[in-house]
């Protein structure tokens, strides 16, 4: 399946912003992803607060999300 066939999306909650979504989804990488998120959602880039339940396209960040690991033994 190519990237054209599949796009990750998220629904905005009440009083949501693109930078809040970037922080929620991408955490520490949010400042790097925010320009791509704005570019992926041109209809919402000039809007301060997103409409409730607006469909936001999440850009591919090309980074593997690693789950935090706990080392039990040395």
C-alpha atoms as a PDB file:
ATOM      1  CA  UNK A   1       0.000   0.000   0.000  1.00  0.00           C
ATOM      2  CA  UNK A   2       1.486   3.355  -0.975  1.00  0.00           C
ATOM      3  CA  UNK A   3       1.271   6.630   0.950  1.00  0.00           C
ATOM      4  CA  UNK A   4      -1.327   7.824  -1.556  1.00  0.00           C
ATOM      5  CA  UNK A   5      -3.669   5.018  -0.488  1.00  0.00           C
ATOM      6  CA  UNK A   6      -3.448   5.687   3.238  1.00  0.00           C
ATOM      7  CA  UNK A   7      -3.423   8.866   5.299  1.00  0.00           C
ATOM      8  CA  UNK A   8      -3.534   9.043   9.071  1.00  0.00           C
ATOM      9  CA  UNK A   9      -6.163  11.423  10.352  1.00  0.00           C
ATOM     10  CA  UNK A  10      -7.393  12.662  13.702  1.00  0.00           C
ATOM     11  CA  UNK A  11     -10.576  14.465  14.728  1.00  0.00           C
ATOM     12  CA  UNK A  12     -10.157  17.820  16.412  1.00  0.00           C
ATOM     13  CA  UNK A  13     -11.752  18.257  19.805  1.00  0.00           C
ATOM     14  CA  UNK A  14     -13.471  21.439  20.965  1.00  0.00           C
ATOM     15  CA  UNK A  15     -11.069  24.441  21.098  1.00  0.00           C
ATOM     16  CA  UNK A  16      -8.267  22.398  19.479  1.00  0.00           C
ATOM     17  CA  UNK A  17      -5.357  23.938  17.560  1.00  0.00           C
ATOM     18  CA  UNK A  18      -2.867  22.481  15.102  1.00  0.00           C
ATOM     19  CA  UNK A  19       0.011  23.032  17.518  1.00  0.00           C
ATOM     20  CA  UNK A  20      -1.908  21.273  20.317  1.00  0.00           C
ATOM     21  CA  UNK A  21      -2.532  18.311  18.008  1.00  0.00           C
ATOM     22  CA  UNK A  22       1.153  18.267  17.030  1.00  0.00           C
ATOM     23  CA  UNK A  23       2.142  18.170  20.692  1.00  0.00           C
ATOM     24  CA  UNK A  24      -0.406  15.445  21.530  1.00  0.00           C
ATOM     25  CA  UNK A  25       0.496  13.177  18.621  1.00  0.00           C
ATOM     26  CA  UNK A  26       4.214  13.798  18.090  1.00  0.00           C
ATOM     27  CA  UNK A  27       5.305  14.893  21.609  1.00  0.00           C
ATOM     28  CA  UNK A  28       8.950  16.029  21.579  1.00  0.00           C
ATOM     29  CA  UNK A  29       9.051  16.143  17.762  1.00  0.00           C
ATOM     30  CA  UNK A  30       6.083  18.552  17.588  1.00  0.00           C
ATOM     31  CA  UNK A  31       8.135  21.640  16.693  1.00  0.00           C
ATOM     32  CA  UNK A  32       9.671  19.814  13.733  1.00  0.00           C
ATOM     33  CA  UNK A  33       6.337  18.393  12.580  1.00  0.00           C
ATOM     34  CA  UNK A  34       4.184  21.525  12.965  1.00  0.00           C
ATOM     35  CA  UNK A  35       5.153  23.053   9.561  1.00  0.00           C
ATOM     36  CA  UNK A  36       4.336  19.735   7.860  1.00  0.00           C
ATOM     37  CA  UNK A  37       1.031  19.547   9.759  1.00  0.00           C
ATOM     38  CA  UNK A  38       0.097  23.059   8.610  1.00  0.00           C
ATOM     39  CA  UNK A  39       1.095  22.188   5.030  1.00  0.00           C
ATOM     40  CA  UNK A  40      -1.023  19.011   5.165  1.00  0.00           C
ATOM     41  CA  UNK A  41      -4.090  20.983   6.300  1.00  0.00           C
ATOM     42  CA  UNK A  42      -4.173  24.199   4.259  1.00  0.00           C
ATOM     43  CA  UNK A  43      -7.869  24.815   4.982  1.00  0.00           C
ATOM     44  CA  UNK A  44      -7.152  25.094   8.703  1.00  0.00           C
ATOM     45  CA  UNK A  45      -3.773  26.860   8.709  1.00  0.00           C
ATOM     46  CA  UNK A  46      -5.177  30.424   9.057  1.00  0.00           C
ATOM     47  CA  UNK A  47      -7.627  29.299  11.764  1.00  0.00           C
ATOM     48  CA  UNK A  48      -6.680  29.758  15.410  1.00  0.00           C
ATOM     49  CA  UNK A  49      -9.269  27.343  16.835  1.00  0.00           C
ATOM     50  CA  UNK A  50     -10.286  24.342  14.764  1.00  0.00           C
ATOM     51  CA  UNK A  51     -13.931  23.432  14.275  1.00  0.00           C
ATOM     52  CA  UNK A  52     -15.125  20.630  16.546  1.00  0.00           C
ATOM     53  CA  UNK A  53     -14.601  17.217  14.885  1.00  0.00           C
ATOM     54  CA  UNK A  54     -12.598  18.688  11.981  1.00  0.00           C
ATOM     55  CA  UNK A  55     -10.681  15.943  10.160  1.00  0.00           C
ATOM     56  CA  UNK A  56      -6.970  16.727  10.416  1.00  0.00           C
ATOM     57  CA  UNK A  57      -4.497  14.926   8.150  1.00  0.00           C
ATOM     58  CA  UNK A  58      -1.382  13.836  10.030  1.00  0.00           C
ATOM     59  CA  UNK A  59       1.836  14.012   8.001  1.00  0.00           C
ATOM     60  CA  UNK A  60       4.192  11.061   7.845  1.00  0.00           C
ATOM     61  CA  UNK A  61       7.067  11.939  10.144  1.00  0.00           C
ATOM     62  CA  UNK A  62       9.343   9.164   8.798  1.00  0.00           C
ATOM     63  CA  UNK A  63      10.373   8.268  12.319  1.00  0.00           C
ATOM     64  CA  UNK A  64       9.727   5.013  14.025  1.00  0.00           C
ATOM     65  CA  UNK A  65       7.826   5.570  17.226  1.00  0.00           C
ATOM     66  CA  UNK A  66       9.615   3.602  19.887  1.00  0.00           C
ATOM     67  CA  UNK A  67       7.768   2.619  22.993  1.00  0.00           C
ATOM     68  CA  UNK A  68       9.566   3.488  26.198  1.00  0.00           C
ATOM     69  CA  UNK A  69      11.400   0.482  27.574  1.00  0.00           C
ATOM     70  CA  UNK A  70      12.205  -0.467  31.123  1.00  0.00           C
ATOM     71  CA  UNK A  71      15.360  -2.380  31.857  1.00  0.00           C
ATOM     72  CA  UNK A  72      14.634  -4.824  34.680  1.00  0.00           C
ATOM     73  CA  UNK A  73      18.051  -6.501  34.862  1.00  0.00           C
ATOM     74  CA  UNK A  74      21.586  -5.617  33.821  1.00  0.00           C
END
